[in-house]
């Protein structure tokens, strides 16, 4: 639309931040992938990592998910390139933002992976729990403990409105530890992930309070 700033950001991102990124956004067969790997290696050098989105879309690798996982794993070994393969969760294990486990992937495929990272939006799990409590309230079966829980969930819902949560549920490296939930804020406008830690997300506004005394200048408190 003639936005010079947007055009400059796009060019800067492509040339300066990701100068060696190659994207193929059409469905590809294994032979297409072989040609794409050859072209990319010739123009940019051997890739240091390959991301495939997503496993069920692999063509020519078998009909079921384990067969596709074996096929793409063999592709990575053949080209000596690390693979990041996206795999959807099943409707039951992934419903309402539930916590990811080693068996959450739809129709298997977890055995072939050396690492499995679960990715979810925690707010959907929180909203599901809120709805469950509200249904009990409507039936007159809520207790004081449930009301306190509802207040806590509503607070958490605000915090996780724009967050994504990850956990490491499988790691085949020796002497490695699995990692529980790690929350990241999704930066508005860029989509970058910022570790949440113990801080409140930037999109939650803290009220300013001015305090005046007789002997001190006004102080802004957070």
C-alpha atoms as a PDB file:
ATOM      1  CA  UNK A   1       0.000   0.000   0.000  1.00  0.00           C
ATOM      2  CA  UNK A   2       2.996   2.283  -0.443  1.00  0.00           C
ATOM      3  CA  UNK A   3       4.035   2.270   3.220  1.00  0.00           C
ATOM      4  CA  UNK A   4       7.750   3.070   2.946  1.00  0.00           C
ATOM      5  CA  UNK A   5       8.428   2.176   6.585  1.00  0.00           C
ATOM      6  CA  UNK A   6       6.832  -1.271   6.184  1.00  0.00           C
ATOM      7  CA  UNK A   7       8.823  -1.901   3.004  1.00  0.00           C
ATOM      8  CA  UNK A   8      12.073  -0.929   4.730  1.00  0.00           C
ATOM      9  CA  UNK A   9      11.325  -3.202   7.689  1.00  0.00           C
ATOM     10  CA  UNK A  10      10.625  -6.088   5.312  1.00  0.00           C
ATOM     11  CA  UNK A  11      13.866  -5.542   3.385  1.00  0.00           C
ATOM     12  CA  UNK A  12      15.902  -5.136   6.581  1.00  0.00           C
ATOM     13  CA  UNK A  13      14.438  -8.342   8.021  1.00  0.00           C
ATOM     14  CA  UNK A  14      15.183 -10.317   4.845  1.00  0.00           C
ATOM     15  CA  UNK A  15      18.667  -8.917   4.191  1.00  0.00           C
ATOM     16  CA  UNK A  16      20.055  -8.252   7.651  1.00  0.00           C
ATOM     17  CA  UNK A  17      18.248 -10.489  10.157  1.00  0.00           C
ATOM     18  CA  UNK A  18      17.573 -13.601   8.039  1.00  0.00           C
ATOM     19  CA  UNK A  19      19.862 -13.389   4.997  1.00  0.00           C
ATOM     20  CA  UNK A  20      20.120 -17.189   4.702  1.00  0.00           C
ATOM     21  CA  UNK A  21      16.453 -18.087   5.212  1.00  0.00           C
ATOM     22  CA  UNK A  22      14.780 -20.067   2.426  1.00  0.00           C
ATOM     23  CA  UNK A  23      11.008 -20.607   2.580  1.00  0.00           C
ATOM     24  CA  UNK A  24       9.042 -23.105   0.499  1.00  0.00           C
ATOM     25  CA  UNK A  25       5.353 -22.630   1.257  1.00  0.00           C
ATOM     26  CA  UNK A  26       3.795 -25.060  -1.214  1.00  0.00           C
ATOM     27  CA  UNK A  27       3.054 -28.765  -0.589  1.00  0.00           C
ATOM     28  CA  UNK A  28       6.115 -30.814  -1.525  1.00  0.00           C
ATOM     29  CA  UNK A  29       6.837 -34.431  -2.288  1.00  0.00           C
ATOM     30  CA  UNK A  30      10.080 -36.075  -1.197  1.00  0.00           C
ATOM     31  CA  UNK A  31      11.585 -35.490  -4.639  1.00  0.00           C
ATOM     32  CA  UNK A  32      10.587 -31.799  -4.399  1.00  0.00           C
ATOM     33  CA  UNK A  33      12.286 -31.615  -1.014  1.00  0.00           C
ATOM     34  CA  UNK A  34      15.472 -33.154  -2.450  1.00  0.00           C
ATOM     35  CA  UNK A  35      15.542 -30.525  -5.222  1.00  0.00           C
ATOM     36  CA  UNK A  36      14.814 -27.724  -2.762  1.00  0.00           C
ATOM     37  CA  UNK A  37      17.635 -28.895  -0.499  1.00  0.00           C
ATOM     38  CA  UNK A  38      20.009 -28.980  -3.468  1.00  0.00           C
ATOM     39  CA  UNK A  39      19.057 -25.493  -4.660  1.00  0.00           C
ATOM     40  CA  UNK A  40      19.288 -24.008  -1.172  1.00  0.00           C
ATOM     41  CA  UNK A  41      22.675 -25.588  -0.513  1.00  0.00           C
ATOM     42  CA  UNK A  42      23.992 -24.328  -3.857  1.00  0.00           C
ATOM     43  CA  UNK A  43      22.818 -20.735  -3.311  1.00  0.00           C
ATOM     44  CA  UNK A  44      23.193 -20.239   0.453  1.00  0.00           C
ATOM     45  CA  UNK A  45      25.373 -23.098   1.634  1.00  0.00           C
ATOM     46  CA  UNK A  46      24.362 -26.172   3.567  1.00  0.00           C
ATOM     47  CA  UNK A  47      21.420 -25.403   5.900  1.00  0.00           C
ATOM     48  CA  UNK A  48      22.153 -25.463   9.641  1.00  0.00           C
ATOM     49  CA  UNK A  49      18.538 -26.422  10.441  1.00  0.00           C
ATOM     50  CA  UNK A  50      15.357 -27.387   8.593  1.00  0.00           C
ATOM     51  CA  UNK A  51      11.826 -26.701   9.846  1.00  0.00           C
ATOM     52  CA  UNK A  52       8.910 -28.728   8.447  1.00  0.00           C
ATOM     53  CA  UNK A  53       5.339 -27.492   9.021  1.00  0.00           C
ATOM     54  CA  UNK A  54       3.671 -29.872   9.635  1.00  0.00           C
ATOM     55  CA  UNK A  55       4.257 -33.651   9.766  1.00  0.00           C
ATOM     56  CA  UNK A  56       0.849 -34.768   8.476  1.00  0.00           C
ATOM     57  CA  UNK A  57       1.365 -32.751   5.255  1.00  0.00           C
ATOM     58  CA  UNK A  58       4.406 -34.784   4.202  1.00  0.00           C
ATOM     59  CA  UNK A  59       3.643 -36.326   0.819  1.00  0.00           C
ATOM     60  CA  UNK A  60       5.055 -39.661  -0.251  1.00  0.00           C
ATOM     61  CA  UNK A  61       6.173 -40.688   3.212  1.00  0.00           C
ATOM     62  CA  UNK A  62       3.515 -43.281   3.957  1.00  0.00           C
ATOM     63  CA  UNK A  63      -0.092 -43.063   5.028  1.00  0.00           C
ATOM     64  CA  UNK A  64       0.196 -43.042   8.821  1.00  0.00           C
ATOM     65  CA  UNK A  65       2.015 -40.617  11.108  1.00  0.00           C
ATOM     66  CA  UNK A  66       4.775 -43.035  12.315  1.00  0.00           C
ATOM     67  CA  UNK A  67       5.668 -43.794   8.682  1.00  0.00           C
ATOM     68  CA  UNK A  68       5.853 -40.099   7.847  1.00  0.00           C
ATOM     69  CA  UNK A  69       7.996 -39.503  10.946  1.00  0.00           C
ATOM     70  CA  UNK A  70      10.396 -42.291   9.903  1.00  0.00           C
ATOM     71  CA  UNK A  71      10.588 -40.862   6.381  1.00  0.00           C
ATOM     72  CA  UNK A  72      11.417 -37.294   7.356  1.00  0.00           C
ATOM     73  CA  UNK A  73      13.875 -38.495  10.016  1.00  0.00           C
ATOM     74  CA  UNK A  74      15.681 -40.496   7.322  1.00  0.00           C
ATOM     75  CA  UNK A  75      15.707 -37.355   5.128  1.00  0.00           C
ATOM     76  CA  UNK A  76      17.435 -35.396   7.894  1.00  0.00           C
ATOM     77  CA  UNK A  77      20.020 -38.123   8.471  1.00  0.00           C
ATOM     78  CA  UNK A  78      20.699 -38.421   4.755  1.00  0.00           C
ATOM     79  CA  UNK A  79      21.452 -34.709   4.484  1.00  0.00           C
ATOM     80  CA  UNK A  80      23.052 -34.406   7.961  1.00  0.00           C
ATOM     81  CA  UNK A  81      20.746 -31.523   8.894  1.00  0.00           C
ATOM     82  CA  UNK A  82      18.904 -31.065  12.226  1.00  0.00           C
ATOM     83  CA  UNK A  83      15.107 -31.140  11.905  1.00  0.00           C
ATOM     84  CA  UNK A  84      12.381 -29.222  13.710  1.00  0.00           C
ATOM     85  CA  UNK A  85       9.118 -30.918  12.782  1.00  0.00           C
ATOM     86  CA  UNK A  86       5.751 -29.507  13.825  1.00  0.00           C
ATOM     87  CA  UNK A  87       3.156 -32.114  14.811  1.00  0.00           C
ATOM     88  CA  UNK A  88      -0.390 -31.383  15.886  1.00  0.00           C
ATOM     89  CA  UNK A  89      -1.814 -32.700  19.130  1.00  0.00           C
ATOM     90  CA  UNK A  90      -4.871 -34.924  19.158  1.00  0.00           C
ATOM     91  CA  UNK A  91      -8.306 -33.420  19.760  1.00  0.00           C
ATOM     92  CA  UNK A  92      -8.560 -35.026  23.177  1.00  0.00           C
ATOM     93  CA  UNK A  93      -5.059 -34.399  24.565  1.00  0.00           C
ATOM     94  CA  UNK A  94      -4.837 -30.916  23.052  1.00  0.00           C
ATOM     95  CA  UNK A  95      -8.349 -29.749  23.919  1.00  0.00           C
ATOM     96  CA  UNK A  96      -8.776 -26.529  25.924  1.00  0.00           C
ATOM     97  CA  UNK A  97      -5.061 -25.795  26.079  1.00  0.00           C
ATOM     98  CA  UNK A  98      -4.219 -28.859  28.138  1.00  0.00           C
ATOM     99  CA  UNK A  99      -0.640 -29.433  29.204  1.00  0.00           C
ATOM    100  CA  UNK A 100       1.415 -31.331  26.633  1.00  0.00           C
ATOM    101  CA  UNK A 101       2.753 -34.795  27.434  1.00  0.00           C
ATOM    102  CA  UNK A 102       4.967 -37.187  25.505  1.00  0.00           C
ATOM    103  CA  UNK A 103       1.887 -38.873  24.010  1.00  0.00           C
ATOM    104  CA  UNK A 104      -0.089 -35.742  23.094  1.00  0.00           C
ATOM    105  CA  UNK A 105       0.756 -35.918  19.391  1.00  0.00           C
ATOM    106  CA  UNK A 106      -2.054 -37.084  17.117  1.00  0.00           C
ATOM    107  CA  UNK A 107      -1.712 -40.687  15.856  1.00  0.00           C
ATOM    108  CA  UNK A 108       1.739 -41.263  17.354  1.00  0.00           C
ATOM    109  CA  UNK A 109       5.111 -40.223  15.978  1.00  0.00           C
ATOM    110  CA  UNK A 110       6.696 -39.560  19.383  1.00  0.00           C
ATOM    111  CA  UNK A 111       9.000 -42.603  19.224  1.00  0.00           C
ATOM    112  CA  UNK A 112      10.948 -41.203  16.272  1.00  0.00           C
ATOM    113  CA  UNK A 113      11.690 -37.845  17.930  1.00  0.00           C
ATOM    114  CA  UNK A 114      14.865 -37.227  19.907  1.00  0.00           C
ATOM    115  CA  UNK A 115      13.255 -34.219  21.629  1.00  0.00           C
ATOM    116  CA  UNK A 116       9.614 -33.204  22.059  1.00  0.00           C
ATOM    117  CA  UNK A 117       8.620 -29.652  22.990  1.00  0.00           C
ATOM    118  CA  UNK A 118       4.984 -29.038  23.900  1.00  0.00           C
ATOM    119  CA  UNK A 119       3.512 -25.683  22.828  1.00  0.00           C
ATOM    120  CA  UNK A 120       0.135 -24.452  24.070  1.00  0.00           C
ATOM    121  CA  UNK A 121      -1.913 -21.374  24.915  1.00  0.00           C
ATOM    122  CA  UNK A 122      -2.519 -21.571  28.653  1.00  0.00           C
ATOM    123  CA  UNK A 123      -5.408 -19.099  28.498  1.00  0.00           C
ATOM    124  CA  UNK A 124      -7.660 -21.702  26.865  1.00  0.00           C
ATOM    125  CA  UNK A 125      -7.181 -24.085  29.798  1.00  0.00           C
ATOM    126  CA  UNK A 126      -7.934 -21.238  32.220  1.00  0.00           C
ATOM    127  CA  UNK A 127     -11.061 -20.228  30.314  1.00  0.00           C
ATOM    128  CA  UNK A 128     -12.278 -23.830  30.363  1.00  0.00           C
ATOM    129  CA  UNK A 129     -11.917 -23.970  34.162  1.00  0.00           C
ATOM    130  CA  UNK A 130     -13.713 -20.615  34.514  1.00  0.00           C
ATOM    131  CA  UNK A 131     -16.614 -21.901  32.440  1.00  0.00           C
ATOM    132  CA  UNK A 132     -16.836 -25.044  34.574  1.00  0.00           C
ATOM    133  CA  UNK A 133     -17.078 -22.997  37.785  1.00  0.00           C
ATOM    134  CA  UNK A 134     -19.625 -20.629  36.244  1.00  0.00           C
ATOM    135  CA  UNK A 135     -21.806 -23.603  35.345  1.00  0.00           C
ATOM    136  CA  UNK A 136     -21.701 -24.742  38.972  1.00  0.00           C
ATOM    137  CA  UNK A 137     -22.604 -21.217  40.058  1.00  0.00           C
ATOM    138  CA  UNK A 138     -25.621 -21.259  37.766  1.00  0.00           C
ATOM    139  CA  UNK A 139     -26.775 -24.492  39.425  1.00  0.00           C
ATOM    140  CA  UNK A 140     -26.226 -23.090  42.918  1.00  0.00           C
ATOM    141  CA  UNK A 141     -23.591 -25.697  43.789  1.00  0.00           C
ATOM    142  CA  UNK A 142     -20.590 -23.384  44.171  1.00  0.00           C
ATOM    143  CA  UNK A 143     -18.683 -23.161  47.460  1.00  0.00           C
ATOM    144  CA  UNK A 144     -16.589 -20.362  48.954  1.00  0.00           C
ATOM    145  CA  UNK A 145     -13.494 -22.230  47.886  1.00  0.00           C
ATOM    146  CA  UNK A 146     -14.715 -22.314  44.288  1.00  0.00           C
ATOM    147  CA  UNK A 147     -15.432 -18.576  44.355  1.00  0.00           C
ATOM    148  CA  UNK A 148     -11.882 -17.912  45.514  1.00  0.00           C
ATOM    149  CA  UNK A 149     -10.622 -20.181  42.765  1.00  0.00           C
ATOM    150  CA  UNK A 150     -12.706 -18.232  40.230  1.00  0.00           C
ATOM    151  CA  UNK A 151     -11.097 -14.951  41.281  1.00  0.00           C
ATOM    152  CA  UNK A 152      -7.637 -16.504  40.962  1.00  0.00           C
ATOM    153  CA  UNK A 153      -8.436 -17.890  37.503  1.00  0.00           C
ATOM    154  CA  UNK A 154      -9.710 -14.533  36.272  1.00  0.00           C
ATOM    155  CA  UNK A 155      -6.445 -12.939  37.378  1.00  0.00           C
ATOM    156  CA  UNK A 156      -4.451 -15.648  35.573  1.00  0.00           C
ATOM    157  CA  UNK A 157      -6.618 -15.165  32.478  1.00  0.00           C
ATOM    158  CA  UNK A 158      -5.508 -11.529  32.264  1.00  0.00           C
ATOM    159  CA  UNK A 159      -1.855 -12.500  32.612  1.00  0.00           C
ATOM    160  CA  UNK A 160      -2.018 -15.193  29.929  1.00  0.00           C
ATOM    161  CA  UNK A 161      -4.151 -13.311  27.410  1.00  0.00           C
ATOM    162  CA  UNK A 162      -1.133 -12.994  25.092  1.00  0.00           C
ATOM    163  CA  UNK A 163       1.259 -15.711  26.232  1.00  0.00           C
ATOM    164  CA  UNK A 164       2.427 -19.052  24.918  1.00  0.00           C
ATOM    165  CA  UNK A 165       3.645 -21.878  27.165  1.00  0.00           C
ATOM    166  CA  UNK A 166       6.295 -24.488  26.340  1.00  0.00           C
ATOM    167  CA  UNK A 167       7.583 -27.579  28.110  1.00  0.00           C
ATOM    168  CA  UNK A 168      10.211 -30.185  27.240  1.00  0.00           C
ATOM    169  CA  UNK A 169       8.548 -33.586  27.548  1.00  0.00           C
ATOM    170  CA  UNK A 170      11.172 -35.793  25.878  1.00  0.00           C
ATOM    171  CA  UNK A 171      14.949 -35.533  25.652  1.00  0.00           C
ATOM    172  CA  UNK A 172      17.150 -38.446  24.575  1.00  0.00           C
ATOM    173  CA  UNK A 173      20.439 -36.756  25.436  1.00  0.00           C
ATOM    174  CA  UNK A 174      22.209 -38.536  28.322  1.00  0.00           C
ATOM    175  CA  UNK A 175      21.982 -36.903  31.757  1.00  0.00           C
ATOM    176  CA  UNK A 176      19.396 -34.388  30.561  1.00  0.00           C
ATOM    177  CA  UNK A 177      16.418 -33.155  32.563  1.00  0.00           C
ATOM    178  CA  UNK A 178      12.906 -32.494  31.332  1.00  0.00           C
ATOM    179  CA  UNK A 179      11.577 -28.941  31.724  1.00  0.00           C
ATOM    180  CA  UNK A 180       8.183 -27.951  33.088  1.00  0.00           C
ATOM    181  CA  UNK A 181       6.030 -25.046  31.860  1.00  0.00           C
ATOM    182  CA  UNK A 182       7.903 -21.968  30.623  1.00  0.00           C
ATOM    183  CA  UNK A 183       5.722 -18.934  29.861  1.00  0.00           C
ATOM    184  CA  UNK A 184       6.541 -16.390  27.161  1.00  0.00           C
ATOM    185  CA  UNK A 185       4.811 -13.136  26.329  1.00  0.00           C
ATOM    186  CA  UNK A 186       3.951 -12.739  22.627  1.00  0.00           C
ATOM    187  CA  UNK A 187       5.209  -9.280  21.711  1.00  0.00           C
ATOM    188  CA  UNK A 188       2.485  -7.329  19.960  1.00  0.00           C
ATOM    189  CA  UNK A 189       3.338  -6.311  16.397  1.00  0.00           C
ATOM    190  CA  UNK A 190       6.318  -8.645  15.990  1.00  0.00           C
ATOM    191  CA  UNK A 191       5.303 -12.012  17.427  1.00  0.00           C
ATOM    192  CA  UNK A 192       8.635 -12.338  19.231  1.00  0.00           C
ATOM    193  CA  UNK A 193       8.611 -14.357  22.443  1.00  0.00           C
ATOM    194  CA  UNK A 194       9.814 -12.720  25.663  1.00  0.00           C
ATOM    195  CA  UNK A 195      10.381 -14.881  28.799  1.00  0.00           C
ATOM    196  CA  UNK A 196       7.689 -13.965  31.290  1.00  0.00           C
ATOM    197  CA  UNK A 197       9.468 -14.991  34.487  1.00  0.00           C
ATOM    198  CA  UNK A 198       8.051 -13.388  37.615  1.00  0.00           C
ATOM    199  CA  UNK A 199       7.204 -10.097  35.887  1.00  0.00           C
ATOM    200  CA  UNK A 200       3.729  -9.141  34.756  1.00  0.00           C
ATOM    201  CA  UNK A 201       3.267  -8.960  30.973  1.00  0.00           C
ATOM    202  CA  UNK A 202       3.778  -5.544  29.409  1.00  0.00           C
ATOM    203  CA  UNK A 203       0.149  -5.395  28.227  1.00  0.00           C
ATOM    204  CA  UNK A 204      -1.131  -5.330  31.834  1.00  0.00           C
ATOM    205  CA  UNK A 205      -1.158  -1.695  32.832  1.00  0.00           C
ATOM    206  CA  UNK A 206      -0.171  -0.890  36.385  1.00  0.00           C
ATOM    207  CA  UNK A 207      -1.937   2.125  37.894  1.00  0.00           C
ATOM    208  CA  UNK A 208       0.206   5.143  38.759  1.00  0.00           C
ATOM    209  CA  UNK A 209      -0.086   6.441  42.307  1.00  0.00           C
ATOM    210  CA  UNK A 210       1.322   9.839  43.323  1.00  0.00           C
ATOM    211  CA  UNK A 211       2.337  10.318  46.933  1.00  0.00           C
ATOM    212  CA  UNK A 212       3.019  13.776  48.374  1.00  0.00           C
ATOM    213  CA  UNK A 213       4.499  14.667  51.735  1.00  0.00           C
ATOM    214  CA  UNK A 214       5.406  18.000  53.316  1.00  0.00           C
ATOM    215  CA  UNK A 215       9.149  17.525  52.982  1.00  0.00           C
ATOM    216  CA  UNK A 216       9.524  15.512  49.742  1.00  0.00           C
ATOM    217  CA  UNK A 217       8.756  15.996  46.085  1.00  0.00           C
ATOM    218  CA  UNK A 218       5.883  13.906  44.618  1.00  0.00           C
ATOM    219  CA  UNK A 219       6.961  10.303  44.034  1.00  0.00           C
ATOM    220  CA  UNK A 220       5.486   8.069  41.332  1.00  0.00           C
ATOM    221  CA  UNK A 221       4.888   4.554  42.588  1.00  0.00           C
ATOM    222  CA  UNK A 222       4.190   1.363  40.596  1.00  0.00           C
END
